[in-house]
Amino acid sequence: MADWLALATSASVVRRATVVAIVVGTILVVINHGDAIVRGDLGVGRLLRIGLTVVVPYCVSTYSSVSALRAAARRAREEAVS
């Protein structure tokens, strides 16, 4: 678990996940909450949902990046042994 967290908090993974969250999150916010934003309907509940709409792509990107890095490291270890 510590190795997973170390990879998840590495600069390259955080940078990539942040870019994905900004791009994908913005698109999803406009699609899912655009009408409410235009109307000015921004209560606490709506703002929390908008926040989650951005956090989810960040989490998905982080998980994918860490999985790819771990798989690459595993392949490198296997190739070094053979």
PDB file of N, CA and C in Angstrom:
ATOM      1  N   MET A   1       0.820  -1.190   0.000  1.00  0.00           N
ATOM      2  CA  MET A   1       0.000   0.000   0.000  1.00  0.00           C
ATOM      3  C   MET A   1       0.867   1.260   0.000  1.00  0.00           C
ATOM      4  N   ALA A   2       1.973   1.228   0.735  1.00  0.00           N
ATOM      5  CA  ALA A   2       2.854   2.398   0.793  1.00  0.00           C
ATOM      6  C   ALA A   2       3.444   2.693  -0.577  1.00  0.00           C
ATOM      7  N   ASP A   3       3.790   1.629  -1.322  1.00  0.00           N
ATOM      8  CA  ASP A   3       4.346   1.856  -2.667  1.00  0.00           C
ATOM      9  C   ASP A   3       3.280   2.452  -3.593  1.00  0.00           C
ATOM     10  N   TRP A   4       2.029   2.030  -3.433  1.00  0.00           N
ATOM     11  CA  TRP A   4       0.942   2.579  -4.247  1.00  0.00           C
ATOM     12  C   TRP A   4       0.785   4.070  -3.960  1.00  0.00           C
ATOM     13  N   LEU A   5       0.786   4.434  -2.677  1.00  0.00           N
ATOM     14  CA  LEU A   5       0.643   5.841  -2.301  1.00  0.00           C
ATOM     15  C   LEU A   5       1.832   6.671  -2.764  1.00  0.00           C
ATOM     16  N   ALA A   6       3.023   6.092  -2.710  1.00  0.00           N
ATOM     17  CA  ALA A   6       4.208   6.818  -3.184  1.00  0.00           C
ATOM     18  C   ALA A   6       4.082   7.125  -4.668  1.00  0.00           C
ATOM     19  N   LEU A   7       3.634   6.152  -5.448  1.00  0.00           N
ATOM     20  CA  LEU A   7       3.431   6.395  -6.877  1.00  0.00           C
ATOM     21  C   LEU A   7       2.299   7.395  -7.103  1.00  0.00           C
ATOM     22  N   ALA A   8       1.216   7.262  -6.358  1.00  0.00           N
ATOM     23  CA  ALA A   8       0.050   8.135  -6.540  1.00  0.00           C
ATOM     24  C   ALA A   8       0.358   9.588  -6.214  1.00  0.00           C
ATOM     25  N   THR A   9       1.328   9.815  -5.347  1.00  0.00           N
ATOM     26  CA  THR A   9       1.674  11.186  -4.972  1.00  0.00           C
ATOM     27  C   THR A   9       2.924  11.694  -5.680  1.00  0.00           C
ATOM     28  N   SER A  10       3.455  10.911  -6.609  1.00  0.00           N
ATOM     29  CA  SER A  10       4.627  11.371  -7.363  1.00  0.00           C
ATOM     30  C   SER A  10       4.221  12.524  -8.276  1.00  0.00           C
ATOM     31  N   ALA A  11       5.175  13.381  -8.558  1.00  0.00           N
ATOM     32  CA  ALA A  11       4.888  14.608  -9.316  1.00  0.00           C
ATOM     33  C   ALA A  11       4.266  14.321 -10.675  1.00  0.00           C
ATOM     34  N   SER A  12       4.775  13.322 -11.381  1.00  0.00           N
ATOM     35  CA  SER A  12       4.258  13.052 -12.730  1.00  0.00           C
ATOM     36  C   SER A  12       2.815  12.564 -12.694  1.00  0.00           C
ATOM     37  N   VAL A  13       2.485  11.728 -11.730  1.00  0.00           N
ATOM     38  CA  VAL A  13       1.114  11.213 -11.623  1.00  0.00           C
ATOM     39  C   VAL A  13       0.165  12.331 -11.198  1.00  0.00           C
ATOM     40  N   VAL A  14       0.565  13.128 -10.232  1.00  0.00           N
ATOM     41  CA  VAL A  14      -0.282  14.235  -9.772  1.00  0.00           C
ATOM     42  C   VAL A  14      -0.505  15.237 -10.903  1.00  0.00           C
ATOM     43  N   ARG A  15       0.553  15.551 -11.645  1.00  0.00           N
ATOM     44  CA  ARG A  15       0.430  16.502 -12.757  1.00  0.00           C
ATOM     45  C   ARG A  15      -0.543  15.980 -13.807  1.00  0.00           C
ATOM     46  N   ARG A  16      -0.374  14.715 -14.194  1.00  0.00           N
ATOM     47  CA  ARG A  16      -1.242  14.117 -15.214  1.00  0.00           C
ATOM     48  C   ARG A  16      -2.691  14.073 -14.732  1.00  0.00           C
ATOM     49  N   ALA A  17      -2.904  13.652 -13.512  1.00  0.00           N
ATOM     50  CA  ALA A  17      -4.266  13.548 -12.973  1.00  0.00           C
ATOM     51  C   ALA A  17      -4.921  14.922 -12.856  1.00  0.00           C
ATOM     52  N   THR A  18      -4.135  15.926 -12.528  1.00  0.00           N
ATOM     53  CA  THR A  18      -4.676  17.283 -12.425  1.00  0.00           C
ATOM     54  C   THR A  18      -5.135  17.795 -13.781  1.00  0.00           C
ATOM     55  N   VAL A  19      -4.325  17.569 -14.804  1.00  0.00           N
ATOM     56  CA  VAL A  19      -4.707  17.996 -16.155  1.00  0.00           C
ATOM     57  C   VAL A  19      -5.975  17.274 -16.596  1.00  0.00           C
ATOM     58  N   VAL A  20      -6.030  15.972 -16.367  1.00  0.00           N
ATOM     59  CA  VAL A  20      -7.219  15.198 -16.732  1.00  0.00           C
ATOM     60  C   VAL A  20      -8.438  15.713 -15.973  1.00  0.00           C
ATOM     61  N   ALA A  21      -8.284  15.959 -14.682  1.00  0.00           N
ATOM     62  CA  ALA A  21      -9.410  16.439 -13.873  1.00  0.00           C
ATOM     63  C   ALA A  21      -9.912  17.791 -14.366  1.00  0.00           C
ATOM     64  N   ILE A  22      -8.993  18.667 -14.746  1.00  0.00           N
ATOM     65  CA  ILE A  22      -9.411  19.991 -15.226  1.00  0.00           C
ATOM     66  C   ILE A  22     -10.157  19.870 -16.548  1.00  0.00           C
ATOM     67  N   VAL A  23      -9.593  19.121 -17.486  1.00  0.00           N
ATOM     68  CA  VAL A  23     -10.210  19.011 -18.813  1.00  0.00           C
ATOM     69  C   VAL A  23     -11.521  18.230 -18.743  1.00  0.00           C
ATOM     70  N   VAL A  24     -11.453  17.003 -18.248  1.00  0.00           N
ATOM     71  CA  VAL A  24     -12.643  16.147 -18.208  1.00  0.00           C
ATOM     72  C   VAL A  24     -13.668  16.695 -17.214  1.00  0.00           C
ATOM     73  N   GLY A  25     -13.199  17.148 -16.057  1.00  0.00           N
ATOM     74  CA  GLY A  25     -14.107  17.696 -15.057  1.00  0.00           C
ATOM     75  C   GLY A  25     -14.877  18.898 -15.569  1.00  0.00           C
ATOM     76  N   THR A  26     -14.188  19.786 -16.292  1.00  0.00           N
ATOM     77  CA  THR A  26     -14.866  20.958 -16.851  1.00  0.00           C
ATOM     78  C   THR A  26     -15.949  20.547 -17.836  1.00  0.00           C
ATOM     79  N   ILE A  27     -15.625  19.605 -18.700  1.00  0.00           N
ATOM     80  CA  ILE A  27     -16.614  19.123 -19.673  1.00  0.00           C
ATOM     81  C   ILE A  27     -17.820  18.521 -18.950  1.00  0.00           C
ATOM     82  N   LEU A  28     -17.561  17.686 -17.953  1.00  0.00           N
ATOM     83  CA  LEU A  28     -18.659  17.058 -17.215  1.00  0.00           C
ATOM     84  C   LEU A  28     -19.480  18.075 -16.422  1.00  0.00           C
ATOM     85  N   VAL A  29     -18.821  19.070 -15.839  1.00  0.00           N
ATOM     86  CA  VAL A  29     -19.554  20.106 -15.098  1.00  0.00           C
ATOM     87  C   VAL A  29     -20.487  20.856 -16.038  1.00  0.00           C
ATOM     88  N   VAL A  30     -19.995  21.204 -17.220  1.00  0.00           N
ATOM     89  CA  VAL A  30     -20.840  21.924 -18.180  1.00  0.00           C
ATOM     90  C   VAL A  30     -22.019  21.056 -18.605  1.00  0.00           C
ATOM     91  N   ILE A  31     -21.759  19.780 -18.882  1.00  0.00           N
ATOM     92  CA  ILE A  31     -22.833  18.879 -19.311  1.00  0.00           C
ATOM     93  C   ILE A  31     -23.853  18.666 -18.191  1.00  0.00           C
ATOM     94  N   ASN A  32     -23.358  18.373 -16.997  1.00  0.00           N
ATOM     95  CA  ASN A  32     -24.253  17.979 -15.908  1.00  0.00           C
ATOM     96  C   ASN A  32     -24.826  19.140 -15.096  1.00  0.00           C
ATOM     97  N   HIS A  33     -24.124  20.266 -15.045  1.00  0.00           N
ATOM     98  CA  HIS A  33     -24.551  21.353 -14.163  1.00  0.00           C
ATOM     99  C   HIS A  33     -24.632  22.705 -14.866  1.00  0.00           C
ATOM    100  N   GLY A  34     -24.397  22.726 -16.159  1.00  0.00           N
ATOM    101  CA  GLY A  34     -24.375  23.990 -16.894  1.00  0.00           C
ATOM    102  C   GLY A  34     -25.639  24.807 -16.745  1.00  0.00           C
ATOM    103  N   ASP A  35     -26.789  24.152 -16.851  1.00  0.00           N
ATOM    104  CA  ASP A  35     -28.056  24.888 -16.742  1.00  0.00           C
ATOM    105  C   ASP A  35     -28.220  25.506 -15.357  1.00  0.00           C
ATOM    106  N   ALA A  36     -27.822  24.774 -14.322  1.00  0.00           N
ATOM    107  CA  ALA A  36     -27.928  25.304 -12.958  1.00  0.00           C
ATOM    108  C   ALA A  36     -26.956  26.462 -12.748  1.00  0.00           C
ATOM    109  N   ILE A  37     -25.782  26.372 -13.342  1.00  0.00           N
ATOM    110  CA  ILE A  37     -24.805  27.462 -13.227  1.00  0.00           C
ATOM    111  C   ILE A  37     -25.349  28.715 -13.894  1.00  0.00           C
ATOM    112  N   VAL A  38     -25.928  28.554 -15.090  1.00  0.00           N
ATOM    113  CA  VAL A  38     -26.495  29.701 -15.810  1.00  0.00           C
ATOM    114  C   VAL A  38     -27.629  30.335 -15.007  1.00  0.00           C
ATOM    115  N   ARG A  39     -28.451  29.503 -14.372  1.00  0.00           N
ATOM    116  CA  ARG A  39     -29.568  30.011 -13.560  1.00  0.00           C
ATOM    117  C   ARG A  39     -29.097  30.610 -12.236  1.00  0.00           C
ATOM    118  N   GLY A  40     -27.871  30.309 -11.854  1.00  0.00           N
ATOM    119  CA  GLY A  40     -27.370  30.782 -10.562  1.00  0.00           C
ATOM    120  C   GLY A  40     -27.812  29.912  -9.407  1.00  0.00           C
ATOM    121  N   ASP A  41     -28.237  28.693  -9.701  1.00  0.00           N
ATOM    122  CA  ASP A  41     -28.706  27.737  -8.698  1.00  0.00           C
ATOM    123  C   ASP A  41     -27.500  26.974  -8.144  1.00  0.00           C
ATOM    124  N   LEU A  42     -26.757  27.621  -7.255  1.00  0.00           N
ATOM    125  CA  LEU A  42     -25.516  27.036  -6.759  1.00  0.00           C
ATOM    126  C   LEU A  42     -25.540  26.895  -5.241  1.00  0.00           C
ATOM    127  N   GLY A  43     -26.457  26.075  -4.766  1.00  0.00           N
ATOM    128  CA  GLY A  43     -26.514  25.802  -3.337  1.00  0.00           C
ATOM    129  C   GLY A  43     -25.366  24.896  -2.919  1.00  0.00           C
ATOM    130  N   VAL A  44     -25.284  24.651  -1.636  1.00  0.00           N
ATOM    131  CA  VAL A  44     -24.204  23.824  -1.090  1.00  0.00           C
ATOM    132  C   VAL A  44     -24.208  22.430  -1.709  1.00  0.00           C
ATOM    133  N   GLY A  45     -25.377  21.831  -1.822  1.00  0.00           N
ATOM    134  CA  GLY A  45     -25.469  20.493  -2.413  1.00  0.00           C
ATOM    135  C   GLY A  45     -24.965  20.460  -3.840  1.00  0.00           C
ATOM    136  N   ARG A  46     -25.341  21.449  -4.618  1.00  0.00           N
ATOM    137  CA  ARG A  46     -24.897  21.529  -6.019  1.00  0.00           C
ATOM    138  C   ARG A  46     -23.377  21.706  -6.077  1.00  0.00           C
ATOM    139  N   LEU A  47     -22.833  22.569  -5.231  1.00  0.00           N
ATOM    140  CA  LEU A  47     -21.388  22.799  -5.229  1.00  0.00           C
ATOM    141  C   LEU A  47     -20.619  21.537  -4.840  1.00  0.00           C
ATOM    142  N   LEU A  48     -21.167  20.766  -3.907  1.00  0.00           N
ATOM    143  CA  LEU A  48     -20.531  19.493  -3.543  1.00  0.00           C
ATOM    144  C   LEU A  48     -20.543  18.528  -4.729  1.00  0.00           C
ATOM    145  N   ARG A  49     -21.665  18.462  -5.441  1.00  0.00           N
ATOM    146  CA  ARG A  49     -21.745  17.583  -6.615  1.00  0.00           C
ATOM    147  C   ARG A  49     -20.785  18.044  -7.704  1.00  0.00           C
ATOM    148  N   ILE A  50     -20.650  19.346  -7.885  1.00  0.00           N
ATOM    149  CA  ILE A  50     -19.695  19.865  -8.872  1.00  0.00           C
ATOM    150  C   ILE A  50     -18.272  19.472  -8.464  1.00  0.00           C
ATOM    151  N   GLY A  51     -17.969  19.594  -7.185  1.00  0.00           N
ATOM    152  CA  GLY A  51     -16.644  19.178  -6.701  1.00  0.00           C
ATOM    153  C   GLY A  51     -16.374  17.710  -6.962  1.00  0.00           C
ATOM    154  N   LEU A  52     -17.356  16.874  -6.690  1.00  0.00           N
ATOM    155  CA  LEU A  52     -17.197  15.437  -6.953  1.00  0.00           C
ATOM    156  C   LEU A  52     -17.046  15.152  -8.443  1.00  0.00           C
ATOM    157  N   THR A  53     -17.704  15.951  -9.266  1.00  0.00           N
ATOM    158  CA  THR A  53     -17.612  15.782 -10.715  1.00  0.00           C
ATOM    159  C   THR A  53     -16.181  15.994 -11.191  1.00  0.00           C
ATOM    160  N   VAL A  54     -15.420  16.806 -10.497  1.00  0.00           N
ATOM    161  CA  VAL A  54     -14.020  17.045 -10.851  1.00  0.00           C
ATOM    162  C   VAL A  54     -13.102  16.028 -10.169  1.00  0.00           C
ATOM    163  N   VAL A  55     -13.438  15.625  -8.955  1.00  0.00           N
ATOM    164  CA  VAL A  55     -12.593  14.690  -8.205  1.00  0.00           C
ATOM    165  C   VAL A  55     -12.580  13.299  -8.840  1.00  0.00           C
ATOM    166  N   VAL A  56     -13.699  12.862  -9.378  1.00  0.00           N
ATOM    167  CA  VAL A  56     -13.772  11.509  -9.950  1.00  0.00           C
ATOM    168  C   VAL A  56     -12.772  11.308 -11.090  1.00  0.00           C
ATOM    169  N   PRO A  57     -12.678  12.203 -12.086  1.00  0.00           N
ATOM    170  CA  PRO A  57     -11.658  12.001 -13.122  1.00  0.00           C
ATOM    171  C   PRO A  57     -10.232  12.015 -12.563  1.00  0.00           C
ATOM    172  N   TYR A  58      -9.989  12.810 -11.519  1.00  0.00           N
ATOM    173  CA  TYR A  58      -8.668  12.825 -10.880  1.00  0.00           C
ATOM    174  C   TYR A  58      -8.357  11.438 -10.310  1.00  0.00           C
ATOM    175  N   CYS A  59      -9.314  10.865  -9.606  1.00  0.00           N
ATOM    176  CA  CYS A  59      -9.115   9.540  -9.002  1.00  0.00           C
ATOM    177  C   CYS A  59      -8.931   8.462 -10.061  1.00  0.00           C
ATOM    178  N   VAL A  60      -9.725   8.504 -11.114  1.00  0.00           N
ATOM    179  CA  VAL A  60      -9.615   7.510 -12.186  1.00  0.00           C
ATOM    180  C   VAL A  60      -8.257   7.620 -12.869  1.00  0.00           C
ATOM    181  N   SER A  61      -7.817   8.832 -13.151  1.00  0.00           N
ATOM    182  CA  SER A  61      -6.518   9.028 -13.788  1.00  0.00           C
ATOM    183  C   SER A  61      -5.386   8.551 -12.881  1.00  0.00           C
ATOM    184  N   THR A  62      -5.476   8.861 -11.602  1.00  0.00           N
ATOM    185  CA  THR A  62      -4.449   8.425 -10.653  1.00  0.00           C
ATOM    186  C   THR A  62      -4.389   6.905 -10.600  1.00  0.00           C
ATOM    187  N   TYR A  63      -5.529   6.264 -10.476  1.00  0.00           N
ATOM    188  CA  TYR A  63      -5.575   4.801 -10.428  1.00  0.00           C
ATOM    189  C   TYR A  63      -4.980   4.195 -11.697  1.00  0.00           C
ATOM    190  N   SER A  64      -5.349   4.733 -12.849  1.00  0.00           N
ATOM    191  CA  SER A  64      -4.846   4.207 -14.120  1.00  0.00           C
ATOM    192  C   SER A  64      -3.339   4.393 -14.237  1.00  0.00           C
ATOM    193  N   SER A  65      -2.846   5.557 -13.858  1.00  0.00           N
ATOM    194  CA  SER A  65      -1.411   5.827 -13.944  1.00  0.00           C
ATOM    195  C   SER A  65      -0.613   4.913 -13.023  1.00  0.00           C
ATOM    196  N   VAL A  66      -1.069   4.769 -11.794  1.00  0.00           N
ATOM    197  CA  VAL A  66      -0.364   3.908 -10.842  1.00  0.00           C
ATOM    198  C   VAL A  66      -0.399   2.456 -11.317  1.00  0.00           C
ATOM    199  N   SER A  67      -1.524   2.011 -11.829  1.00  0.00           N
ATOM    200  CA  SER A  67      -1.622   0.641 -12.349  1.00  0.00           C
ATOM    201  C   SER A  67      -0.653   0.424 -13.500  1.00  0.00           C
ATOM    202  N   ALA A  68      -0.559   1.391 -14.405  1.00  0.00           N
ATOM    203  CA  ALA A  68       0.353   1.276 -15.544  1.00  0.00           C
ATOM    204  C   ALA A  68       1.807   1.269 -15.084  1.00  0.00           C
ATOM    205  N   LEU A  69       2.154   2.123 -14.139  1.00  0.00           N
ATOM    206  CA  LEU A  69       3.527   2.161 -13.631  1.00  0.00           C
ATOM    207  C   LEU A  69       3.895   0.863 -12.922  1.00  0.00           C
ATOM    208  N   ARG A  70       2.976   0.327 -12.143  1.00  0.00           N
ATOM    209  CA  ARG A  70       3.254  -0.937 -11.446  1.00  0.00           C
ATOM    210  C   ARG A  70       3.388  -2.092 -12.431  1.00  0.00           C
ATOM    211  N   ALA A  71       2.555  -2.108 -13.467  1.00  0.00           N
ATOM    212  CA  ALA A  71       2.648  -3.164 -14.482  1.00  0.00           C
ATOM    213  C   ALA A  71       3.974  -3.067 -15.228  1.00  0.00           C
ATOM    214  N   ALA A  72       4.407  -1.860 -15.550  1.00  0.00           N
ATOM    215  CA  ALA A  72       5.686  -1.680 -16.243  1.00  0.00           C
ATOM    216  C   ALA A  72       6.846  -2.132 -15.360  1.00  0.00           C
ATOM    217  N   ALA A  73       6.792  -1.824 -14.083  1.00  0.00           N
ATOM    218  CA  ALA A  73       7.844  -2.251 -13.157  1.00  0.00           C
ATOM    219  C   ALA A  73       7.861  -3.771 -13.024  1.00  0.00           C
ATOM    220  N   ARG A  74       6.685  -4.374 -12.988  1.00  0.00           N
ATOM    221  CA  ARG A  74       6.588  -5.835 -12.894  1.00  0.00           C
ATOM    222  C   ARG A  74       7.185  -6.489 -14.134  1.00  0.00           C
ATOM    223  N   ARG A  75       6.864  -5.943 -15.327  1.00  0.00           N
ATOM    224  CA  ARG A  75       7.431  -6.482 -16.567  1.00  0.00           C
ATOM    225  C   ARG A  75       8.947  -6.333 -16.587  1.00  0.00           C
ATOM    226  N   ALA A  76       9.451  -5.209 -16.113  1.00  0.00           N
ATOM    227  CA  ALA A  76      10.899  -4.979 -16.089  1.00  0.00           C
ATOM    228  C   ALA A  76      11.586  -5.976 -15.163  1.00  0.00           C
ATOM    229  N   ARG A  77      10.980  -6.256 -14.013  1.00  0.00           N
ATOM    230  CA  ARG A  77      11.554  -7.251 -13.094  1.00  0.00           C
ATOM    231  C   ARG A  77      11.552  -8.635 -13.719  1.00  0.00           C
ATOM    232  N   GLU A  78      10.455  -8.989 -14.398  1.00  0.00           N
ATOM    233  CA  GLU A  78      10.360 -10.306 -15.032  1.00  0.00           C
ATOM    234  C   GLU A  78      11.383 -10.448 -16.153  1.00  0.00           C
ATOM    235  N   GLU A  79      11.602  -9.382 -16.919  1.00  0.00           N
ATOM    236  CA  GLU A  79      12.587  -9.428 -17.998  1.00  0.00           C
ATOM    237  C   GLU A  79      14.001  -9.505 -17.448  1.00  0.00           C
ATOM    238  N   ALA A  80      14.248  -8.883 -16.305  1.00  0.00           N
ATOM    239  CA  ALA A  80      15.578  -8.910 -15.698  1.00  0.00           C
ATOM    240  C   ALA A  80      15.919 -10.305 -15.195  1.00  0.00           C
ATOM    241  N   VAL A  81      14.906 -11.043 -14.762  1.00  0.00           N
ATOM    242  CA  VAL A  81      15.114 -12.394 -14.243  1.00  0.00           C
ATOM    243  C   VAL A  81      15.378 -13.375 -15.375  1.00  0.00           C
ATOM    244  N   SER A  82      14.719 -13.183 -16.518  1.00  0.00           N
ATOM    245  CA  SER A  82      14.862 -14.155 -17.603  1.00  0.00           C
ATOM    246  C   SER A  82      15.983 -13.838 -18.542  1.00  0.00           C
TER     247      SER A  82
END
